[in-house]
Amino acid sequence: MAQRAELEAQIAAVREEEVTNALEQIRQLVEEFDLHEEVQFTRARRGAPRGPGAGVARSPVAPKYRDPESGATWSGRGKPPKWIAGKDRTKFLID
């Protein structure tokens, strides 16, 4: 197990060095070909959202259903609340 941990540490160190070298080559190419407008470097945070629209603040979704007894509302997204779970949702639609 100790050998495995040591090998994994070596692999991680080599990979980190390769990534650093690759980024430096990319930066040199960007500078050489004046691609500053086309290429932007940012540091991605671990666990940061990725893909189209990622990181964009979204406005809350308007409620689609209302409980006539309590007045509670639900947007129709996520786990349904107990007052609507397993029931015909058309009765609870907000006009």
PDB file of N, CA and C in Angstrom:
ATOM      1  N   MET A   1       0.832  -1.193   0.000  1.00  0.00           N
ATOM      2  CA  MET A   1       0.000   0.000   0.000  1.00  0.00           C
ATOM      3  C   MET A   1       0.874   1.254   0.000  1.00  0.00           C
ATOM      4  N   ALA A   2       1.974   1.179   0.734  1.00  0.00           N
ATOM      5  CA  ALA A   2       2.878   2.327   0.792  1.00  0.00           C
ATOM      6  C   ALA A   2       3.492   2.583  -0.569  1.00  0.00           C
ATOM      7  N   GLN A   3       3.854   1.508  -1.277  1.00  0.00           N
ATOM      8  CA  GLN A   3       4.414   1.665  -2.623  1.00  0.00           C
ATOM      9  C   GLN A   3       3.387   2.285  -3.560  1.00  0.00           C
ATOM     10  N   ARG A   4       2.158   1.833  -3.429  1.00  0.00           N
ATOM     11  CA  ARG A   4       1.096   2.363  -4.277  1.00  0.00           C
ATOM     12  C   ARG A   4       0.914   3.859  -4.031  1.00  0.00           C
ATOM     13  N   ALA A   5       0.877   4.265  -2.769  1.00  0.00           N
ATOM     14  CA  ALA A   5       0.728   5.677  -2.436  1.00  0.00           C
ATOM     15  C   ALA A   5       1.895   6.485  -2.982  1.00  0.00           C
ATOM     16  N   GLU A   6       3.093   5.917  -2.894  1.00  0.00           N
ATOM     17  CA  GLU A   6       4.278   6.617  -3.413  1.00  0.00           C
ATOM     18  C   GLU A   6       4.203   6.762  -4.929  1.00  0.00           C
ATOM     19  N   LEU A   7       3.787   5.685  -5.609  1.00  0.00           N
ATOM     20  CA  LEU A   7       3.649   5.749  -7.067  1.00  0.00           C
ATOM     21  C   LEU A   7       2.573   6.756  -7.480  1.00  0.00           C
ATOM     22  N   GLU A   8       1.469   6.769  -6.770  1.00  0.00           N
ATOM     23  CA  GLU A   8       0.411   7.730  -7.091  1.00  0.00           C
ATOM     24  C   GLU A   8       0.890   9.162  -6.892  1.00  0.00           C
ATOM     25  N   ALA A   9       1.698   9.393  -5.874  1.00  0.00           N
ATOM     26  CA  ALA A   9       2.257  10.723  -5.643  1.00  0.00           C
ATOM     27  C   ALA A   9       3.199  11.106  -6.774  1.00  0.00           C
ATOM     28  N   GLN A  10       3.997  10.148  -7.231  1.00  0.00           N
ATOM     29  CA  GLN A  10       4.914  10.416  -8.351  1.00  0.00           C
ATOM     30  C   GLN A  10       4.133  10.717  -9.623  1.00  0.00           C
ATOM     31  N   ILE A  11       3.088   9.935  -9.863  1.00  0.00           N
ATOM     32  CA  ILE A  11       2.251  10.158 -11.048  1.00  0.00           C
ATOM     33  C   ILE A  11       1.628  11.548 -11.001  1.00  0.00           C
ATOM     34  N   ALA A  12       1.110  11.927  -9.840  1.00  0.00           N
ATOM     35  CA  ALA A  12       0.486  13.247  -9.701  1.00  0.00           C
ATOM     36  C   ALA A  12       1.500  14.359  -9.935  1.00  0.00           C
ATOM     37  N   ALA A  13       2.727  14.182  -9.439  1.00  0.00           N
ATOM     38  CA  ALA A  13       3.758  15.209  -9.621  1.00  0.00           C
ATOM     39  C   ALA A  13       4.142  15.341 -11.091  1.00  0.00           C
ATOM     40  N   VAL A  14       4.293  14.217 -11.778  1.00  0.00           N
ATOM     41  CA  VAL A  14       4.650  14.248 -13.203  1.00  0.00           C
ATOM     42  C   VAL A  14       3.526  14.885 -14.002  1.00  0.00           C
ATOM     43  N   ARG A  15       2.290  14.526 -13.683  1.00  0.00           N
ATOM     44  CA  ARG A  15       1.151  15.109 -14.406  1.00  0.00           C
ATOM     45  C   ARG A  15       1.081  16.604 -14.190  1.00  0.00           C
ATOM     46  N   GLU A  16       1.279  17.041 -12.976  1.00  0.00           N
ATOM     47  CA  GLU A  16       1.247  18.475 -12.689  1.00  0.00           C
ATOM     48  C   GLU A  16       2.328  19.215 -13.479  1.00  0.00           C
ATOM     49  N   GLU A  17       3.498  18.627 -13.575  1.00  0.00           N
ATOM     50  CA  GLU A  17       4.583  19.244 -14.345  1.00  0.00           C
ATOM     51  C   GLU A  17       4.227  19.306 -15.824  1.00  0.00           C
ATOM     52  N   GLU A  18       3.620  18.214 -16.356  1.00  0.00           N
ATOM     53  CA  GLU A  18       3.216  18.196 -17.760  1.00  0.00           C
ATOM     54  C   GLU A  18       2.152  19.252 -18.038  1.00  0.00           C
ATOM     55  N   VAL A  19       1.196  19.394 -17.136  1.00  0.00           N
ATOM     56  CA  VAL A  19       0.149  20.397 -17.311  1.00  0.00           C
ATOM     57  C   VAL A  19       0.760  21.797 -17.296  1.00  0.00           C
ATOM     58  N   THR A  20       1.675  22.029 -16.370  1.00  0.00           N
ATOM     59  CA  THR A  20       2.334  23.336 -16.289  1.00  0.00           C
ATOM     60  C   THR A  20       3.078  23.636 -17.585  1.00  0.00           C
ATOM     61  N   ASN A  21       3.797  22.649 -18.116  1.00  0.00           N
ATOM     62  CA  ASN A  21       4.524  22.834 -19.378  1.00  0.00           C
ATOM     63  C   ASN A  21       3.568  23.086 -20.536  1.00  0.00           C
ATOM     64  N   ALA A  22       2.461  22.353 -20.581  1.00  0.00           N
ATOM     65  CA  ALA A  22       1.488  22.539 -21.658  1.00  0.00           C
ATOM     66  C   ALA A  22       0.896  23.942 -21.609  1.00  0.00           C
ATOM     67  N   LEU A  23       0.547  24.402 -20.409  1.00  0.00           N
ATOM     68  CA  LEU A  23      -0.006  25.761 -20.280  1.00  0.00           C
ATOM     69  C   LEU A  23       1.008  26.813 -20.701  1.00  0.00           C
ATOM     70  N   GLU A  24       2.267  26.605 -20.374  1.00  0.00           N
ATOM     71  CA  GLU A  24       3.299  27.557 -20.777  1.00  0.00           C
ATOM     72  C   GLU A  24       3.438  27.588 -22.297  1.00  0.00           C
ATOM     73  N   GLN A  25       3.374  26.425 -22.936  1.00  0.00           N
ATOM     74  CA  GLN A  25       3.431  26.383 -24.399  1.00  0.00           C
ATOM     75  C   GLN A  25       2.238  27.112 -25.003  1.00  0.00           C
ATOM     76  N   ILE A  26       1.071  26.919 -24.417  1.00  0.00           N
ATOM     77  CA  ILE A  26      -0.128  27.594 -24.917  1.00  0.00           C
ATOM     78  C   ILE A  26       0.032  29.099 -24.773  1.00  0.00           C
ATOM     79  N   ARG A  27       0.515  29.545 -23.632  1.00  0.00           N
ATOM     80  CA  ARG A  27       0.711  30.982 -23.425  1.00  0.00           C
ATOM     81  C   ARG A  27       1.704  31.557 -24.433  1.00  0.00           C
ATOM     82  N   GLN A  28       2.761  30.802 -24.720  1.00  0.00           N
ATOM     83  CA  GLN A  28       3.737  31.266 -25.705  1.00  0.00           C
ATOM     84  C   GLN A  28       3.113  31.377 -27.091  1.00  0.00           C
ATOM     85  N   LEU A  29       2.289  30.395 -27.461  1.00  0.00           N
ATOM     86  CA  LEU A  29       1.622  30.446 -28.767  1.00  0.00           C
ATOM     87  C   LEU A  29       0.639  31.607 -28.845  1.00  0.00           C
ATOM     88  N   VAL A  30      -0.091  31.837 -27.776  1.00  0.00           N
ATOM     89  CA  VAL A  30      -1.017  32.970 -27.746  1.00  0.00           C
ATOM     90  C   VAL A  30      -0.246  34.265 -27.947  1.00  0.00           C
ATOM     91  N   GLU A  31       0.871  34.405 -27.285  1.00  0.00           N
ATOM     92  CA  GLU A  31       1.692  35.610 -27.417  1.00  0.00           C
ATOM     93  C   GLU A  31       2.274  35.714 -28.827  1.00  0.00           C
ATOM     94  N   GLU A  32       2.798  34.605 -29.327  1.00  0.00           N
ATOM     95  CA  GLU A  32       3.442  34.599 -30.647  1.00  0.00           C
ATOM     96  C   GLU A  32       2.473  34.970 -31.762  1.00  0.00           C
ATOM     97  N   PHE A  33       1.252  34.476 -31.695  1.00  0.00           N
ATOM     98  CA  PHE A  33       0.272  34.718 -32.754  1.00  0.00           C
ATOM     99  C   PHE A  33      -0.734  35.807 -32.385  1.00  0.00           C
ATOM    100  N   ASP A  34      -0.484  36.512 -31.292  1.00  0.00           N
ATOM    101  CA  ASP A  34      -1.332  37.606 -30.836  1.00  0.00           C
ATOM    102  C   ASP A  34      -2.807  37.174 -30.783  1.00  0.00           C
ATOM    103  N   LEU A  35      -3.069  36.116 -30.028  1.00  0.00           N
ATOM    104  CA  LEU A  35      -4.413  35.566 -29.906  1.00  0.00           C
ATOM    105  C   LEU A  35      -5.078  35.968 -28.592  1.00  0.00           C
ATOM    106  N   HIS A  36      -4.701  37.098 -28.052  1.00  0.00           N
ATOM    107  CA  HIS A  36      -5.217  37.528 -26.755  1.00  0.00           C
ATOM    108  C   HIS A  36      -6.733  37.711 -26.757  1.00  0.00           C
ATOM    109  N   GLU A  37      -7.301  38.156 -27.865  1.00  0.00           N
ATOM    110  CA  GLU A  37      -8.744  38.363 -27.944  1.00  0.00           C
ATOM    111  C   GLU A  37      -9.488  37.024 -28.022  1.00  0.00           C
ATOM    112  N   GLU A  38      -8.874  36.029 -28.671  1.00  0.00           N
ATOM    113  CA  GLU A  38      -9.533  34.745 -28.882  1.00  0.00           C
ATOM    114  C   GLU A  38      -9.386  33.799 -27.694  1.00  0.00           C
ATOM    115  N   VAL A  39      -8.316  33.945 -26.924  1.00  0.00           N
ATOM    116  CA  VAL A  39      -8.028  33.017 -25.837  1.00  0.00           C
ATOM    117  C   VAL A  39      -7.931  33.795 -24.534  1.00  0.00           C
ATOM    118  N   GLN A  40      -8.682  33.344 -23.545  1.00  0.00           N
ATOM    119  CA  GLN A  40      -8.623  33.973 -22.221  1.00  0.00           C
ATOM    120  C   GLN A  40      -8.326  32.895 -21.199  1.00  0.00           C
ATOM    121  N   PHE A  41      -7.422  33.198 -20.307  1.00  0.00           N
ATOM    122  CA  PHE A  41      -7.074  32.248 -19.260  1.00  0.00           C
ATOM    123  C   PHE A  41      -7.779  32.635 -17.972  1.00  0.00           C
ATOM    124  N   THR A  42      -8.463  31.677 -17.393  1.00  0.00           N
ATOM    125  CA  THR A  42      -9.076  31.868 -16.083  1.00  0.00           C
ATOM    126  C   THR A  42      -8.815  30.615 -15.279  1.00  0.00           C
ATOM    127  N   ARG A  43      -8.856  30.770 -13.995  1.00  0.00           N
ATOM    128  CA  ARG A  43      -8.687  29.599 -13.126  1.00  0.00           C
ATOM    129  C   ARG A  43     -10.071  29.092 -12.763  1.00  0.00           C
ATOM    130  N   ALA A  44     -10.365  27.874 -13.173  1.00  0.00           N
ATOM    131  CA  ALA A  44     -11.643  27.263 -12.821  1.00  0.00           C
ATOM    132  C   ALA A  44     -11.577  26.792 -11.381  1.00  0.00           C
ATOM    133  N   ARG A  45     -12.619  27.101 -10.641  1.00  0.00           N
ATOM    134  CA  ARG A  45     -12.701  26.609  -9.273  1.00  0.00           C
ATOM    135  C   ARG A  45     -13.162  25.169  -9.306  1.00  0.00           C
ATOM    136  N   ARG A  46     -12.650  24.382  -8.406  1.00  0.00           N
ATOM    137  CA  ARG A  46     -13.092  22.983  -8.330  1.00  0.00           C
ATOM    138  C   ARG A  46     -14.574  22.971  -8.000  1.00  0.00           C
ATOM    139  N   GLY A  47     -15.306  22.161  -8.753  1.00  0.00           N
ATOM    140  CA  GLY A  47     -16.731  22.061  -8.514  1.00  0.00           C
ATOM    141  C   GLY A  47     -17.523  23.183  -9.169  1.00  0.00           C
ATOM    142  N   ALA A  48     -16.834  24.033  -9.927  1.00  0.00           N
ATOM    143  CA  ALA A  48     -17.521  25.133 -10.590  1.00  0.00           C
ATOM    144  C   ALA A  48     -18.404  24.584 -11.707  1.00  0.00           C
ATOM    145  N   PRO A  49     -19.531  25.205 -11.955  1.00  0.00           N
ATOM    146  CA  PRO A  49     -20.398  24.748 -13.036  1.00  0.00           C
ATOM    147  C   PRO A  49     -19.690  24.852 -14.374  1.00  0.00           C
ATOM    148  N   ARG A  50     -19.997  23.946 -15.267  1.00  0.00           N
ATOM    149  CA  ARG A  50     -19.371  23.949 -16.584  1.00  0.00           C
ATOM    150  C   ARG A  50     -20.454  23.880 -17.651  1.00  0.00           C
ATOM    151  N   GLY A  51     -20.076  24.243 -18.858  1.00  0.00           N
ATOM    152  CA  GLY A  51     -20.995  24.123 -19.978  1.00  0.00           C
ATOM    153  C   GLY A  51     -21.706  25.426 -20.270  1.00  0.00           C
ATOM    154  N   PRO A  52     -22.558  25.417 -21.308  1.00  0.00           N
ATOM    155  CA  PRO A  52     -23.263  26.634 -21.713  1.00  0.00           C
ATOM    156  C   PRO A  52     -24.131  27.181 -20.600  1.00  0.00           C
ATOM    157  N   GLY A  53     -23.997  28.458 -20.340  1.00  0.00           N
ATOM    158  CA  GLY A  53     -24.811  29.107 -19.326  1.00  0.00           C
ATOM    159  C   GLY A  53     -24.370  28.819 -17.906  1.00  0.00           C
ATOM    160  N   ALA A  54     -23.266  28.119 -17.761  1.00  0.00           N
ATOM    161  CA  ALA A  54     -22.801  27.769 -16.419  1.00  0.00           C
ATOM    162  C   ALA A  54     -22.360  29.020 -15.683  1.00  0.00           C
ATOM    163  N   GLY A  55     -22.688  29.071 -14.435  1.00  0.00           N
ATOM    164  CA  GLY A  55     -22.279  30.195 -13.619  1.00  0.00           C
ATOM    165  C   GLY A  55     -23.135  31.426 -13.779  1.00  0.00           C
ATOM    166  N   VAL A  56     -24.134  31.358 -14.641  1.00  0.00           N
ATOM    167  CA  VAL A  56     -25.012  32.501 -14.866  1.00  0.00           C
ATOM    168  C   VAL A  56     -26.096  32.480 -13.800  1.00  0.00           C
ATOM    169  N   ALA A  57     -26.276  33.606 -13.148  1.00  0.00           N
ATOM    170  CA  ALA A  57     -27.311  33.686 -12.119  1.00  0.00           C
ATOM    171  C   ALA A  57     -28.682  33.565 -12.785  1.00  0.00           C
ATOM    172  N   ARG A  58     -29.500  32.714 -12.229  1.00  0.00           N
ATOM    173  CA  ARG A  58     -30.830  32.502 -12.795  1.00  0.00           C
ATOM    174  C   ARG A  58     -31.866  33.076 -11.865  1.00  0.00           C
ATOM    175  N   SER A  59     -32.910  33.608 -12.452  1.00  0.00           N
ATOM    176  CA  SER A  59     -33.988  34.151 -11.634  1.00  0.00           C
ATOM    177  C   SER A  59     -34.878  33.007 -11.162  1.00  0.00           C
ATOM    178  N   PRO A  60     -35.561  33.195 -10.055  1.00  0.00           N
ATOM    179  CA  PRO A  60     -36.439  32.132  -9.555  1.00  0.00           C
ATOM    180  C   PRO A  60     -37.549  31.824 -10.548  1.00  0.00           C
ATOM    181  N   VAL A  61     -37.993  30.584 -10.539  1.00  0.00           N
ATOM    182  CA  VAL A  61     -39.063  30.149 -11.441  1.00  0.00           C
ATOM    183  C   VAL A  61     -40.402  30.499 -10.800  1.00  0.00           C
ATOM    184  N   ALA A  62     -41.299  31.017 -11.604  1.00  0.00           N
ATOM    185  CA  ALA A  62     -42.624  31.399 -11.104  1.00  0.00           C
ATOM    186  C   ALA A  62     -43.390  30.154 -10.672  1.00  0.00           C
ATOM    187  N   PRO A  63     -44.196  30.269  -9.612  1.00  0.00           N
ATOM    188  CA  PRO A  63     -44.974  29.115  -9.165  1.00  0.00           C
ATOM    189  C   PRO A  63     -46.007  28.704 -10.210  1.00  0.00           C
ATOM    190  N   LYS A  64     -46.197  27.413 -10.324  1.00  0.00           N
ATOM    191  CA  LYS A  64     -47.141  26.875 -11.296  1.00  0.00           C
ATOM    192  C   LYS A  64     -48.348  26.240 -10.603  1.00  0.00           C
ATOM    193  N   TYR A  65     -48.156  25.821  -9.357  1.00  0.00           N
ATOM    194  CA  TYR A  65     -49.213  25.151  -8.604  1.00  0.00           C
ATOM    195  C   TYR A  65     -49.411  25.827  -7.249  1.00  0.00           C
ATOM    196  N   ARG A  66     -50.670  25.832  -6.768  1.00  0.00           N
ATOM    197  CA  ARG A  66     -50.971  26.420  -5.462  1.00  0.00           C
ATOM    198  C   ARG A  66     -51.899  25.475  -4.693  1.00  0.00           C
ATOM    199  N   ASP A  67     -51.590  25.310  -3.407  1.00  0.00           N
ATOM    200  CA  ASP A  67     -52.437  24.512  -2.523  1.00  0.00           C
ATOM    201  C   ASP A  67     -53.575  25.414  -2.056  1.00  0.00           C
ATOM    202  N   PRO A  68     -54.838  25.097  -2.394  1.00  0.00           N
ATOM    203  CA  PRO A  68     -55.951  25.968  -2.022  1.00  0.00           C
ATOM    204  C   PRO A  68     -56.154  26.066  -0.510  1.00  0.00           C
ATOM    205  N   GLU A  69     -55.741  25.062   0.223  1.00  0.00           N
ATOM    206  CA  GLU A  69     -55.938  25.080   1.674  1.00  0.00           C
ATOM    207  C   GLU A  69     -54.918  25.950   2.392  1.00  0.00           C
ATOM    208  N   SER A  70     -53.645  25.784   2.075  1.00  0.00           N
ATOM    209  CA  SER A  70     -52.601  26.509   2.808  1.00  0.00           C
ATOM    210  C   SER A  70     -52.082  27.725   2.053  1.00  0.00           C
ATOM    211  N   GLY A  71     -52.309  27.758   0.732  1.00  0.00           N
ATOM    212  CA  GLY A  71     -51.776  28.852  -0.072  1.00  0.00           C
ATOM    213  C   GLY A  71     -50.337  28.622  -0.498  1.00  0.00           C
ATOM    214  N   ALA A  72     -49.757  27.488  -0.111  1.00  0.00           N
ATOM    215  CA  ALA A  72     -48.384  27.166  -0.497  1.00  0.00           C
ATOM    216  C   ALA A  72     -48.304  26.993  -2.009  1.00  0.00           C
ATOM    217  N   THR A  73     -47.158  27.346  -2.576  1.00  0.00           N
ATOM    218  CA  THR A  73     -46.976  27.229  -4.027  1.00  0.00           C
ATOM    219  C   THR A  73     -45.795  26.323  -4.329  1.00  0.00           C
ATOM    220  N   TRP A  74     -45.781  25.852  -5.591  1.00  0.00           N
ATOM    221  CA  TRP A  74     -44.693  24.996  -6.075  1.00  0.00           C
ATOM    222  C   TRP A  74     -44.496  25.293  -7.544  1.00  0.00           C
ATOM    223  N   SER A  75     -43.232  25.358  -7.974  1.00  0.00           N
ATOM    224  CA  SER A  75     -42.906  25.697  -9.354  1.00  0.00           C
ATOM    225  C   SER A  75     -43.064  24.529 -10.312  1.00  0.00           C
ATOM    226  N   GLY A  76     -43.155  23.316  -9.786  1.00  0.00           N
ATOM    227  CA  GLY A  76     -43.231  22.149 -10.651  1.00  0.00           C
ATOM    228  C   GLY A  76     -41.865  21.529 -10.880  1.00  0.00           C
ATOM    229  N   ARG A  77     -40.848  22.101 -10.263  1.00  0.00           N
ATOM    230  CA  ARG A  77     -39.489  21.576 -10.387  1.00  0.00           C
ATOM    231  C   ARG A  77     -39.060  20.962  -9.066  1.00  0.00           C
ATOM    232  N   GLY A  78     -38.282  19.917  -9.167  1.00  0.00           N
ATOM    233  CA  GLY A  78     -37.797  19.274  -7.961  1.00  0.00           C
ATOM    234  C   GLY A  78     -38.832  18.325  -7.383  1.00  0.00           C
ATOM    235  N   LYS A  79     -38.556  17.882  -6.171  1.00  0.00           N
ATOM    236  CA  LYS A  79     -39.441  16.929  -5.504  1.00  0.00           C
ATOM    237  C   LYS A  79     -40.762  17.619  -5.165  1.00  0.00           C
ATOM    238  N   PRO A  80     -41.892  16.992  -5.529  1.00  0.00           N
ATOM    239  CA  PRO A  80     -43.178  17.619  -5.236  1.00  0.00           C
ATOM    240  C   PRO A  80     -43.459  17.644  -3.733  1.00  0.00           C
ATOM    241  N   PRO A  81     -44.067  18.725  -3.252  1.00  0.00           N
ATOM    242  CA  PRO A  81     -44.427  18.784  -1.839  1.00  0.00           C
ATOM    243  C   PRO A  81     -45.526  17.771  -1.522  1.00  0.00           C
ATOM    244  N   LYS A  82     -45.679  17.485  -0.245  1.00  0.00           N
ATOM    245  CA  LYS A  82     -46.645  16.465   0.194  1.00  0.00           C
ATOM    246  C   LYS A  82     -48.070  16.795  -0.224  1.00  0.00           C
ATOM    247  N   TRP A  83     -48.428  18.080  -0.272  1.00  0.00           N
ATOM    248  CA  TRP A  83     -49.804  18.442  -0.580  1.00  0.00           C
ATOM    249  C   TRP A  83     -50.192  18.162  -2.029  1.00  0.00           C
ATOM    250  N   ILE A  84     -49.216  17.892  -2.907  1.00  0.00           N
ATOM    251  CA  ILE A  84     -49.537  17.622  -4.307  1.00  0.00           C
ATOM    252  C   ILE A  84     -49.046  16.252  -4.755  1.00  0.00           C
ATOM    253  N   ALA A  85     -48.168  15.643  -3.988  1.00  0.00           N
ATOM    254  CA  ALA A  85     -47.573  14.355  -4.370  1.00  0.00           C
ATOM    255  C   ALA A  85     -48.650  13.295  -4.554  1.00  0.00           C
ATOM    256  N   GLY A  86     -48.621  12.644  -5.708  1.00  0.00           N
ATOM    257  CA  GLY A  86     -49.550  11.555  -5.988  1.00  0.00           C
ATOM    258  C   GLY A  86     -50.951  11.988  -6.362  1.00  0.00           C
ATOM    259  N   LYS A  87     -51.184  13.285  -6.520  1.00  0.00           N
ATOM    260  CA  LYS A  87     -52.529  13.781  -6.850  1.00  0.00           C
ATOM    261  C   LYS A  87     -52.542  14.332  -8.269  1.00  0.00           C
ATOM    262  N   ASP A  88     -53.756  14.553  -8.793  1.00  0.00           N
ATOM    263  CA  ASP A  88     -53.920  15.142 -10.112  1.00  0.00           C
ATOM    264  C   ASP A  88     -53.511  16.624 -10.025  1.00  0.00           C
ATOM    265  N   ARG A  89     -52.460  16.974 -10.696  1.00  0.00           N
ATOM    266  CA  ARG A  89     -51.910  18.334 -10.587  1.00  0.00           C
ATOM    267  C   ARG A  89     -52.761  19.393 -11.274  1.00  0.00           C
ATOM    268  N   THR A  90     -53.618  19.003 -12.189  1.00  0.00           N
ATOM    269  CA  THR A  90     -54.424  20.009 -12.901  1.00  0.00           C
ATOM    270  C   THR A  90     -55.328  20.774 -11.960  1.00  0.00           C
ATOM    271  N   LYS A  91     -55.713  20.157 -10.842  1.00  0.00           N
ATOM    272  CA  LYS A  91     -56.577  20.836  -9.871  1.00  0.00           C
ATOM    273  C   LYS A  91     -55.837  21.964  -9.153  1.00  0.00           C
ATOM    274  N   PHE A  92     -54.528  21.903  -9.163  1.00  0.00           N
ATOM    275  CA  PHE A  92     -53.725  22.865  -8.404  1.00  0.00           C
ATOM    276  C   PHE A  92     -53.078  23.937  -9.286  1.00  0.00           C
ATOM    277  N   LEU A  93     -53.311  23.887 -10.592  1.00  0.00           N
ATOM    278  CA  LEU A  93     -52.692  24.859 -11.507  1.00  0.00           C
ATOM    279  C   LEU A  93     -53.102  26.294 -11.168  1.00  0.00           C
ATOM    280  N   ILE A  94     -52.156  27.187 -11.251  1.00  0.00           N
ATOM    281  CA  ILE A  94     -52.426  28.619 -11.064  1.00  0.00           C
ATOM    282  C   ILE A  94     -52.803  29.188 -12.418  1.00  0.00           C
ATOM    283  N   ASP A  95     -53.894  29.923 -12.477  1.00  0.00           N
ATOM    284  CA  ASP A  95     -54.365  30.506 -13.757  1.00  0.00           C
ATOM    285  C   ASP A  95     -53.430  31.536 -14.295  1.00  0.00           C
TER     286      ASP A  95
END
